Structures are given as C-alpha cells and as structure tokens.
Amino acid sequence: MKVLLYGGTFDPPHNGHMNNLRAALELVQPDRAIVMPAGIPPHKAASATPGAVRLAMCRCFTALSPAVEVSDWEIRQGGRSYTVHTLEMLRARFPDAALYLSVGSDMLLTFQQWCRWQDILDMATLVVESRRPGDDGALTAAARTLEQYGGRVLFARAESYPCASSDLRTGKIPRADWGRYLPAAVLQVIESNGLYREGRPRSQGRNYTMTCEEAKELVKPRLSHKRWTHTKNVKKMAVQLAERWGENPEKAALAALLHDSAKEMPREALLQIFADNAIIAENAPARPAAIWHGIAAAILAETRWGVTDPEILSAIRCHTTGKPGMSLLDKILYLADMTSDERDWPGVEELRRLEMEDLDKALLVALKQSIDFVKEKGGALDPESVAAYEYQKAQLGC
C-alpha cells in the first residue's frame, strides 16, 4: 500500500497546487493521497483564513482522483503544524504502508533546515514538484545529499505555475482574473465567505501604505520588550537621519517600525514564509539564517500588511546586509539599526558623529564593521554584504 501526503497552507489552493498534486499522483500511483491543510502554520500571519474554510477549499483536490481525500487532522491538533508529526500519525495509522511526501523544489533545497528532517527521511520518500527551468542541477545535488543520509527522492513532471497564493490574497493578481488561476470550487468558497477583500486596502489606491500608528499596533505584540525598545530607538534615529539628509521622515519611521517585525519568529516560521512566497523570497533560505528576518519582514509587509512603497520594502529587506546601489532610505535604515541609542559597541559614537556629517562615508564604515563582526564571530558572511561594501568603496574612490 502506498500513501501520499500533500500538505500546505492552501490559502487559497490554486491551479499550481492542482498541477503539483496531479504530477505526484501520476508518478506515485498511491492507494491513498491525503491532502493536509496546516492547522496553525509556524507563521500565523501566513494564514488568516479559518482552518475550516481552507479545508472546504481543499476539497477541490478530490476531483483529481478517487484516491484523494482531505484530512482535518492538523487543524484539529491545534498549535503549530510540523510535517514530522503528521508523518508519525500516518505511520501509526498505516504501519505497513510506504509513505510518500510531496514537497516543492524550494523546500527540497532547504530540507535540512526542517524540524527533525532525518526522521522525515526515515519515514517517507520525497516527491519533488514545481521545478523551474534551470533548477535541475541544484535539485539533483540536493537530492544526492539527502540520499547520503538514507533519503529517497523522486522527481515528478511538474513545472512551476506562475501564481502564488499571496498574489491572490493581496490583489496583486486582479480579482477579475482569478478564474484563470483558481478551480471553480475554490472560487465559490471564496465568494460565499467574502475572503481576501481586506488584504491591500483598495480604497486607498495603489500608493496606500500603513500609518506608523498602525505599524506600532501590529509590531509591538510580536516583539519582546528588548526588541521593541530597539525598534523604537531605530525609529528615532531613522527620523533624525531622514530630517538631516532630506528623506521623508514618515517613510523612514515606518520602515524602522517594521524592520525587525520577523526577528523573533521561529526558524520554521521564516521558512514557511519563504515557501509561501517563493518568487519574491528569491531563494532566501540559501542565504545565512541571521539575515532571514529582514527578507521575511519585507515579504510580510508587502503580502499581508498592504505596504506598497518599493523604497520602504527595499530598506526593510536589506537593513541587515546592505546591497549595491542602496537608496537614501536604504542607507538611513541600515545606519539607524547600527547606531540606535542602546548600541554600545566600540566605535558607535564615532559612527553616530560621521553619519550626521557624511552619510556615504558612514555607510562604508558601517558595512566594514558588520563584515568584520561576522568574521570575528565565525558566522556565515552574506555575499550581498560584501558586494555592498565593494560597491560603496568604488563609489567613494577608495
């Protein structure tokens, strides 16, 4: 007996999900294929839609094969949903079955960061779908690595679908076009429940972004007292720098309030954000984990909180790493994060003085300080930081 597990947030399930499951079914030919919408994903904001409604939308998968069933097991468990726990349940339920786990290509590349990933390999064969052109080499290498740990990896014939669930939730794909991307049964559930009408406030138009007060109410409960104090200090410094160098203080304040909004999220939660938003995540899991929170915060701001200003999103995203060709707001937030009031590292007072006199020279010093700090601690150095430093040196003729 063969049992295939196909899990996800499914908020909402779209034709790309259908294509992936169809490919897995054709390859594995399972006796049972269990679609498992997550109960409470590691990142709660990834699914504001009630579990029962997502469960109803997932019934669209049953049209693919009589073997497909939809389970509410993770929804009923409460708490965060981890694949290893679901597989343990299935192994106990079907002790003689061969288990198969459907995963997307992006998740294969970061599989060793999953909770108890080796236990997963012991229990199930991985079935990989949603390959993008040019990914074969990296995916094959990842599969070979897992095979060294006893893993078994199969590749289904499914190409990446040009749609992400977040594109639908936020209105990036116009509602009038949803019929091209969603099964009819899913559209019916969406309309009958009035879903996804509040993601990006349409009444405010294309240039809408949240207010600083809204950002404060959103971010403060997500952070510890220490991290919230840092955030307030970064906001204070960012506003000072914006006023000094002619940037919009409101934009600087908003970027500062949001910059660490994902800082204290669990590793699994960040990986889930990247998986749910693979296109704009730009292979973030392959970069050092210490910088993930900035990328995740920018993704949340764009896909869940209605922030549309590309300068604000860029500043949040690169506030830890920098990048070549940083905008004025990028530079301000990067420096404000390093020189906020509670910072007391050697040389911070000199950097505070310099950033008020010569922003570009201060940025060069700050980038070098960050690189040296990572090297001193033996951490993984992000290539973007090195590229930012070399770019800034060239700009200043150093």
Protein backbone atom coordinates (compact mmCIF):
# COMPACT_ATOMS: atom_id res chain seq x y z
CA MET A 1 0.00 0.00 0.00
CA LYS A 2 1.25 3.50 -0.90
CA VAL A 3 0.14 6.66 0.93
CA LEU A 4 0.99 10.13 -0.39
CA LEU A 5 0.90 13.18 1.90
CA TYR A 6 0.30 16.56 0.26
CA GLY A 7 0.37 19.36 2.81
CA GLY A 8 0.38 23.13 2.80
CA THR A 9 -1.34 26.26 3.98
CA PHE A 10 -3.59 26.35 0.89
CA ASP A 11 -4.70 29.94 1.39
CA PRO A 12 -6.14 29.59 -1.21
CA PRO A 13 -5.34 26.41 -3.18
CA HIS A 14 -4.82 27.34 -6.84
CA ASN A 15 -4.22 25.59 -10.15
CA GLY A 16 -0.50 25.35 -9.41
CA HIS A 17 -1.29 23.23 -6.37
CA MET A 18 -3.58 21.13 -8.55
CA ASN A 19 -0.81 20.64 -11.12
CA ASN A 20 1.67 19.57 -8.45
CA LEU A 21 -0.65 17.02 -6.89
CA ARG A 22 -1.65 15.71 -10.31
CA ALA A 23 2.04 15.15 -11.17
CA ALA A 24 2.68 13.39 -7.87
CA LEU A 25 -0.35 11.15 -8.37
CA GLU A 26 0.83 10.17 -11.84
CA LEU A 27 4.30 9.31 -10.57
CA VAL A 28 3.49 7.52 -7.31
CA GLN A 29 0.11 5.95 -8.18
CA PRO A 30 -0.84 5.92 -4.46
CA ASP A 31 -3.65 3.92 -2.96
CA ARG A 32 -4.45 6.93 -0.79
CA ALA A 33 -3.46 10.57 -1.29
CA ILE A 34 -4.08 12.70 1.77
CA VAL A 35 -4.35 16.46 1.36
CA MET A 36 -3.50 18.06 4.70
CA PRO A 37 -4.15 21.78 5.20
CA ALA A 38 -1.99 23.08 8.05
CA GLY A 39 -3.69 23.79 11.35
CA ILE A 40 -1.76 26.78 12.64
CA PRO A 41 1.30 27.22 10.44
CA PRO A 42 4.59 28.13 12.18
CA HIS A 43 3.93 31.65 10.91
CA LYS A 44 0.35 32.51 11.92
CA ALA A 45 0.04 35.52 9.60
CA ALA A 46 0.62 33.20 6.62
CA SER A 47 -2.99 32.08 7.06
CA ALA A 48 -5.56 34.45 8.47
CA THR A 49 -8.26 32.32 6.84
CA PRO A 50 -10.02 29.94 9.27
CA GLY A 51 -8.94 26.33 9.06
CA ALA A 52 -12.46 25.11 8.34
CA VAL A 53 -12.70 27.41 5.32
CA ARG A 54 -9.33 26.30 3.97
CA LEU A 55 -10.45 22.72 4.49
CA ALA A 56 -13.54 23.42 2.39
CA MET A 57 -11.42 24.95 -0.39
CA CYS A 58 -9.12 21.90 -0.37
CA ARG A 59 -11.98 19.62 -1.36
CA CYS A 60 -11.24 20.77 -4.91
CA PHE A 61 -8.36 18.26 -4.93
CA THR A 62 -10.75 15.31 -4.76
CA ALA A 63 -11.64 15.93 -8.41
CA LEU A 64 -8.19 14.70 -9.42
CA SER A 65 -8.57 11.07 -8.33
CA PRO A 66 -10.75 8.74 -6.25
CA ALA A 67 -7.61 8.15 -4.15
CA VAL A 68 -7.58 11.75 -2.90
CA GLU A 69 -9.05 12.60 0.48
CA VAL A 70 -8.86 15.76 2.56
CA SER A 71 -7.92 15.49 6.23
CA ASP A 72 -8.54 17.95 9.05
CA TRP A 73 -6.05 16.20 11.36
CA GLU A 74 -3.59 19.10 11.61
CA ILE A 75 -6.41 21.60 12.03
CA ARG A 76 -7.82 19.57 14.92
CA GLN A 77 -4.45 19.26 16.68
CA GLY A 78 -4.05 22.95 17.43
CA GLY A 79 -0.64 24.54 17.83
CA ARG A 80 1.96 24.65 15.09
CA SER A 81 1.87 22.01 12.36
CA TYR A 82 5.08 20.11 11.67
CA THR A 83 5.40 17.56 8.89
CA VAL A 84 7.27 15.07 11.06
CA HIS A 85 4.34 14.83 13.47
CA THR A 86 1.87 14.24 10.64
CA LEU A 87 4.04 11.51 9.18
CA GLU A 88 4.27 9.84 12.59
CA MET A 89 0.48 9.84 12.72
CA LEU A 90 0.27 8.29 9.25
CA ARG A 91 2.87 5.66 10.06
CA ALA A 92 0.87 4.64 13.14
CA ARG A 93 -2.35 4.60 11.11
CA PHE A 94 -0.86 2.69 8.16
CA PRO A 95 2.01 0.68 9.69
CA ASP A 96 2.58 -1.46 6.57
CA ALA A 97 2.29 1.35 4.03
CA ALA A 98 5.05 3.04 2.06
CA LEU A 99 4.76 6.77 2.80
CA TYR A 100 5.46 9.48 0.23
CA LEU A 101 5.76 13.21 0.99
CA SER A 102 5.10 15.81 -1.69
CA VAL A 103 7.41 18.85 -1.49
CA GLY A 104 8.11 21.84 -3.71
CA SER A 105 11.53 22.35 -5.24
CA ASP A 106 12.35 25.32 -3.00
CA MET A 107 11.71 23.22 0.08
CA LEU A 108 13.98 20.45 -1.18
CA LEU A 109 16.84 22.94 -1.32
CA THR A 110 16.32 23.80 2.35
CA PHE A 111 15.14 20.42 3.57
CA GLN A 112 17.96 20.02 6.09
CA GLN A 113 16.55 23.02 7.96
CA TRP A 114 13.21 21.29 8.60
CA CYS A 115 12.25 20.12 12.05
CA ARG A 116 13.64 16.56 12.52
CA TRP A 117 14.41 16.24 8.83
CA GLN A 118 16.32 12.99 9.24
CA ASP A 119 13.30 11.37 10.88
CA ILE A 120 11.23 12.51 7.90
CA LEU A 121 13.70 10.81 5.55
CA ASP A 122 13.42 7.63 7.58
CA MET A 123 9.65 7.60 7.23
CA ALA A 124 8.90 8.85 3.72
CA THR A 125 10.10 9.10 0.15
CA LEU A 126 10.19 12.73 -1.05
CA VAL A 127 8.31 13.57 -4.23
CA VAL A 128 9.51 16.89 -5.65
CA GLU A 129 7.42 19.05 -7.97
CA SER A 130 7.25 22.64 -9.20
CA ARG A 131 10.64 22.73 -10.85
CA ARG A 132 11.65 25.95 -12.60
CA PRO A 133 13.78 25.91 -15.77
CA GLY A 134 17.45 25.81 -14.82
CA ASP A 135 16.89 24.35 -11.35
CA ASP A 136 17.72 20.76 -12.26
CA GLY A 137 21.38 20.94 -11.26
CA ALA A 138 20.74 22.36 -7.80
CA LEU A 139 17.84 19.98 -7.18
CA THR A 140 19.84 16.94 -8.24
CA ALA A 141 22.69 17.97 -5.94
CA ALA A 142 20.26 18.45 -3.03
CA ALA A 143 18.74 15.04 -3.69
CA ARG A 144 22.15 13.38 -3.76
CA THR A 145 23.00 14.98 -0.42
CA LEU A 146 19.82 13.65 1.18
CA GLU A 147 20.45 10.22 -0.31
CA GLN A 148 23.73 10.13 1.61
CA TYR A 149 21.58 10.21 4.75
CA GLY A 150 19.43 7.36 3.50
CA GLY A 151 16.80 9.55 1.89
CA ARG A 152 14.84 8.67 -1.23
CA VAL A 153 13.92 11.44 -3.67
CA LEU A 154 11.70 11.21 -6.75
CA PHE A 155 11.05 13.99 -9.26
CA ALA A 156 7.57 14.49 -10.65
CA ARG A 157 7.00 16.13 -14.02
CA ALA A 158 5.53 19.46 -12.92
CA GLU A 159 6.71 22.88 -13.97
CA SER A 160 6.36 25.92 -11.74
CA TYR A 161 3.00 27.67 -12.06
CA PRO A 162 3.05 31.49 -12.45
CA CYS A 163 0.96 32.17 -9.37
CA ALA A 164 1.42 32.32 -5.62
CA SER A 165 -1.37 32.24 -3.07
CA SER A 166 -0.14 35.57 -1.73
CA ASP A 167 -0.64 37.14 -5.19
CA LEU A 168 -4.32 36.30 -4.90
CA ARG A 169 -4.78 37.32 -1.27
CA THR A 170 -3.21 40.75 -1.72
CA GLY A 171 -4.80 41.62 -5.04
CA LYS A 172 -1.53 41.50 -6.99
CA ILE A 173 -3.49 39.31 -9.38
CA PRO A 174 -6.74 41.24 -10.02
CA ARG A 175 -9.85 39.58 -8.70
CA ALA A 176 -11.37 39.70 -12.17
CA ASP A 177 -8.64 37.32 -13.39
CA TRP A 178 -8.97 34.74 -10.62
CA GLY A 179 -10.96 32.38 -12.81
CA ARG A 180 -7.75 31.66 -14.72
CA TYR A 181 -5.87 30.64 -11.58
CA LEU A 182 -8.41 29.03 -9.26
CA PRO A 183 -10.61 25.93 -9.52
CA ALA A 184 -14.28 26.81 -9.75
CA ALA A 185 -14.98 25.09 -6.42
CA VAL A 186 -12.39 27.28 -4.68
CA LEU A 187 -13.81 30.46 -6.21
CA GLN A 188 -17.24 29.50 -4.91
CA VAL A 189 -15.92 29.10 -1.33
CA ILE A 190 -14.05 32.42 -1.58
CA GLU A 191 -17.09 34.34 -2.75
CA SER A 192 -19.51 32.71 -0.32
CA ASN A 193 -17.21 33.55 2.62
CA GLY A 194 -16.17 37.01 1.41
CA LEU A 195 -12.47 36.11 1.54
CA TYR A 196 -9.45 38.24 0.64
CA ARG A 197 -11.21 41.58 0.45
CA GLU A 198 -9.16 43.28 3.15
CA GLY A 199 -5.56 42.41 2.25
CA ARG A 200 -4.49 45.61 0.47
CA PRO A 201 -6.92 48.43 1.24
CA ARG A 202 -8.31 49.19 -2.20
CA SER A 203 -9.99 52.41 -1.11
CA GLN A 204 -6.58 53.94 -0.58
CA GLY A 205 -5.41 53.28 -4.13
CA ARG A 206 -2.13 51.96 -5.45
CA ASN A 207 0.04 54.19 -3.24
CA TYR A 208 -1.52 53.08 0.03
CA THR A 209 0.79 52.21 2.90
CA MET A 210 0.02 51.76 6.56
CA THR A 211 0.42 54.54 9.09
CA CYS A 212 3.07 54.49 11.79
CA GLU A 213 0.36 54.05 14.41
CA GLU A 214 -0.99 51.02 12.56
CA ALA A 215 2.54 49.62 12.32
CA LYS A 216 3.10 50.11 16.03
CA GLU A 217 -0.12 48.27 16.91
CA LEU A 218 0.87 45.44 14.58
CA VAL A 219 4.53 45.03 15.53
CA LYS A 220 4.67 45.68 19.26
CA PRO A 221 2.79 42.49 20.30
CA ARG A 222 5.13 40.43 18.13
CA LEU A 223 8.31 41.52 19.90
CA SER A 224 9.93 41.14 23.30
CA HIS A 225 10.41 44.23 25.43
CA LYS A 226 14.10 44.37 24.49
CA ARG A 227 13.42 44.08 20.76
CA TRP A 228 10.59 46.63 20.89
CA THR A 229 12.91 49.07 22.70
CA HIS A 230 15.46 48.60 19.93
CA THR A 231 12.77 49.16 17.31
CA LYS A 232 11.70 52.44 18.92
CA ASN A 233 15.30 53.57 19.07
CA VAL A 234 15.86 52.72 15.42
CA LYS A 235 12.75 54.72 14.53
CA LYS A 236 14.09 57.71 16.48
CA MET A 237 17.48 57.56 14.75
CA ALA A 238 15.96 56.95 11.31
CA VAL A 239 13.78 60.04 11.64
CA GLN A 240 16.80 62.12 12.70
CA LEU A 241 18.80 60.91 9.72
CA ALA A 242 15.87 61.44 7.35
CA GLU A 243 15.48 65.03 8.52
CA ARG A 244 19.23 65.58 8.20
CA TRP A 245 19.56 64.19 4.67
CA GLY A 246 16.23 65.14 3.09
CA GLU A 247 14.35 61.85 3.17
CA ASN A 248 10.67 61.61 4.08
CA PRO A 249 10.62 61.16 7.89
CA GLU A 250 7.31 59.25 7.78
CA LYS A 251 8.74 56.71 5.36
CA ALA A 252 11.84 56.33 7.49
CA ALA A 253 9.74 55.88 10.63
CA LEU A 254 7.53 53.23 9.02
CA ALA A 255 10.48 51.27 7.64
CA ALA A 256 12.10 51.36 11.08
CA LEU A 257 8.96 50.15 12.86
CA LEU A 258 8.64 47.19 10.51
CA HIS A 259 12.31 46.29 10.04
CA ASP A 260 12.54 43.69 12.84
CA SER A 261 8.93 42.51 12.76
CA ALA A 262 10.10 38.97 11.90
CA LYS A 263 13.20 38.99 14.11
CA GLU A 264 11.86 36.74 16.85
CA MET A 265 9.93 34.31 14.69
CA PRO A 266 10.98 30.63 14.79
CA ARG A 267 13.20 29.29 12.03
CA GLU A 268 10.39 27.08 10.77
CA ALA A 269 8.11 30.11 10.53
CA LEU A 270 10.57 32.01 8.37
CA LEU A 271 11.00 29.02 6.09
CA GLN A 272 7.22 28.79 5.74
CA ILE A 273 7.08 32.45 4.69
CA PHE A 274 9.73 31.82 2.06
CA ALA A 275 7.92 28.71 0.83
CA ASP A 276 4.61 30.54 0.58
CA ASN A 277 6.23 33.41 -1.31
CA ALA A 278 8.96 31.64 -3.25
CA ILE A 279 9.17 34.12 -6.11
CA ILE A 280 9.77 37.26 -4.06
CA ALA A 281 11.80 35.36 -1.46
CA GLU A 282 14.44 34.86 -4.18
CA ASN A 283 15.97 31.74 -2.65
CA ALA A 284 16.37 33.41 0.74
CA PRO A 285 16.80 30.06 2.59
CA ALA A 286 20.14 29.57 0.82
CA ARG A 287 21.49 32.73 2.49
CA PRO A 288 22.74 32.90 6.11
CA ALA A 289 19.92 32.44 8.61
CA ALA A 290 20.98 35.55 10.54
CA ILE A 291 19.68 37.77 7.74
CA TRP A 292 16.40 35.95 7.05
CA HIS A 293 14.32 38.18 9.28
CA GLY A 294 14.81 41.24 7.09
CA ILE A 295 13.66 39.43 3.96
CA ALA A 296 10.73 37.87 5.81
CA ALA A 297 9.69 41.24 7.26
CA ALA A 298 9.65 42.79 3.79
CA ILE A 299 7.57 39.89 2.46
CA LEU A 300 5.07 40.24 5.31
CA ALA A 301 4.85 43.99 4.78
CA GLU A 302 4.10 43.52 1.10
CA THR A 303 1.88 40.46 1.10
CA ARG A 304 -0.01 40.74 4.39
CA TRP A 305 0.09 44.33 5.58
CA GLY A 306 -0.54 46.28 2.39
CA VAL A 307 2.77 48.17 2.17
CA THR A 308 3.28 49.02 -1.49
CA ASP A 309 6.11 51.57 -1.41
CA PRO A 310 9.11 49.82 -3.02
CA GLU A 311 11.61 52.03 -1.19
CA ILE A 312 10.22 51.06 2.20
CA LEU A 313 10.18 47.39 1.24
CA SER A 314 13.77 47.58 -0.02
CA ALA A 315 15.01 49.28 3.14
CA ILE A 316 13.40 46.64 5.35
CA ARG A 317 14.75 43.82 3.21
CA CYS A 318 18.39 44.93 3.19
CA HIS A 319 18.66 46.55 6.63
CA THR A 320 20.99 43.79 7.86
CA THR A 321 23.02 43.12 4.72
CA GLY A 322 23.04 46.27 2.67
CA LYS A 323 23.22 45.88 -1.10
CA PRO A 324 24.97 47.51 -4.06
CA GLY A 325 23.41 50.81 -5.08
CA MET A 326 21.50 51.47 -1.87
CA SER A 327 18.85 54.19 -1.94
CA LEU A 328 18.86 57.04 0.55
CA LEU A 329 16.22 55.26 2.64
CA ASP A 330 18.21 52.01 2.48
CA LYS A 331 21.26 53.80 3.87
CA ILE A 332 19.29 55.55 6.59
CA LEU A 333 17.69 52.40 7.94
CA TYR A 334 20.92 50.41 7.74
CA LEU A 335 22.76 53.05 9.75
CA ALA A 336 19.90 53.68 12.18
CA ASP A 337 19.87 49.97 13.00
CA MET A 338 23.57 50.11 13.85
CA THR A 339 23.57 53.37 15.78
CA SER A 340 20.31 53.31 17.76
CA ASP A 341 20.53 54.61 21.32
CA GLU A 342 21.04 51.26 23.04
CA ARG A 343 24.00 50.28 20.84
CA ASP A 344 27.29 50.47 22.76
CA TRP A 345 29.83 48.64 20.60
CA PRO A 346 33.31 50.20 20.30
CA GLY A 347 33.24 52.92 17.68
CA VAL A 348 29.49 53.54 17.67
CA GLU A 349 29.86 57.12 18.94
CA GLU A 350 32.22 57.94 16.08
CA LEU A 351 29.78 56.41 13.59
CA ARG A 352 26.93 58.48 15.07
CA ARG A 353 29.00 61.62 14.51
CA LEU A 354 30.02 60.61 10.99
CA GLU A 355 26.52 59.71 9.79
CA MET A 356 25.42 63.27 10.51
CA GLU A 357 28.38 64.68 8.55
CA ASP A 358 28.84 62.31 5.59
CA LEU A 359 26.25 59.62 5.09
CA ASP A 360 28.16 57.73 2.39
CA LYS A 361 31.39 57.55 4.39
CA ALA A 362 29.40 56.43 7.41
CA LEU A 363 27.81 53.69 5.33
CA LEU A 364 31.22 52.44 4.21
CA VAL A 365 32.42 52.31 7.82
CA ALA A 366 29.24 50.55 8.92
CA LEU A 367 29.43 47.92 6.19
CA LYS A 368 33.06 47.19 7.07
CA GLN A 369 32.18 46.98 10.76
CA SER A 370 29.39 44.49 10.05
CA ILE A 371 31.59 42.30 7.86
CA ASP A 372 34.38 42.31 10.46
CA PHE A 373 31.92 41.45 13.22
CA VAL A 374 30.57 38.43 11.32
CA LYS A 375 34.08 37.21 10.55
CA GLU A 376 35.17 37.66 14.16
CA LYS A 377 32.22 35.61 15.39
CA GLY A 378 32.85 32.90 12.82
CA GLY A 379 29.44 33.43 11.24
CA ALA A 380 28.38 32.96 7.63
CA LEU A 381 29.00 36.09 5.58
CA ASP A 382 26.26 37.03 3.15
CA PRO A 383 27.62 37.77 -0.35
CA GLU A 384 25.29 40.77 -0.60
CA SER A 385 27.13 42.46 2.28
CA VAL A 386 30.47 42.03 0.57
CA ALA A 387 29.04 43.30 -2.71
CA ALA A 388 27.56 46.32 -0.93
CA TYR A 389 30.92 47.13 0.69
CA GLU A 390 32.85 46.81 -2.57
CA TYR A 391 30.27 48.95 -4.37
CA GLN A 392 30.47 51.67 -1.73
CA LYS A 393 34.27 51.65 -1.84
CA ALA A 394 34.17 52.12 -5.59
CA GLN A 395 31.66 54.96 -5.27
CA LEU A 396 33.95 56.79 -2.87
CA GLY A 397 37.08 56.02 -4.88
CA CYS A 398 38.68 54.04 -2.04
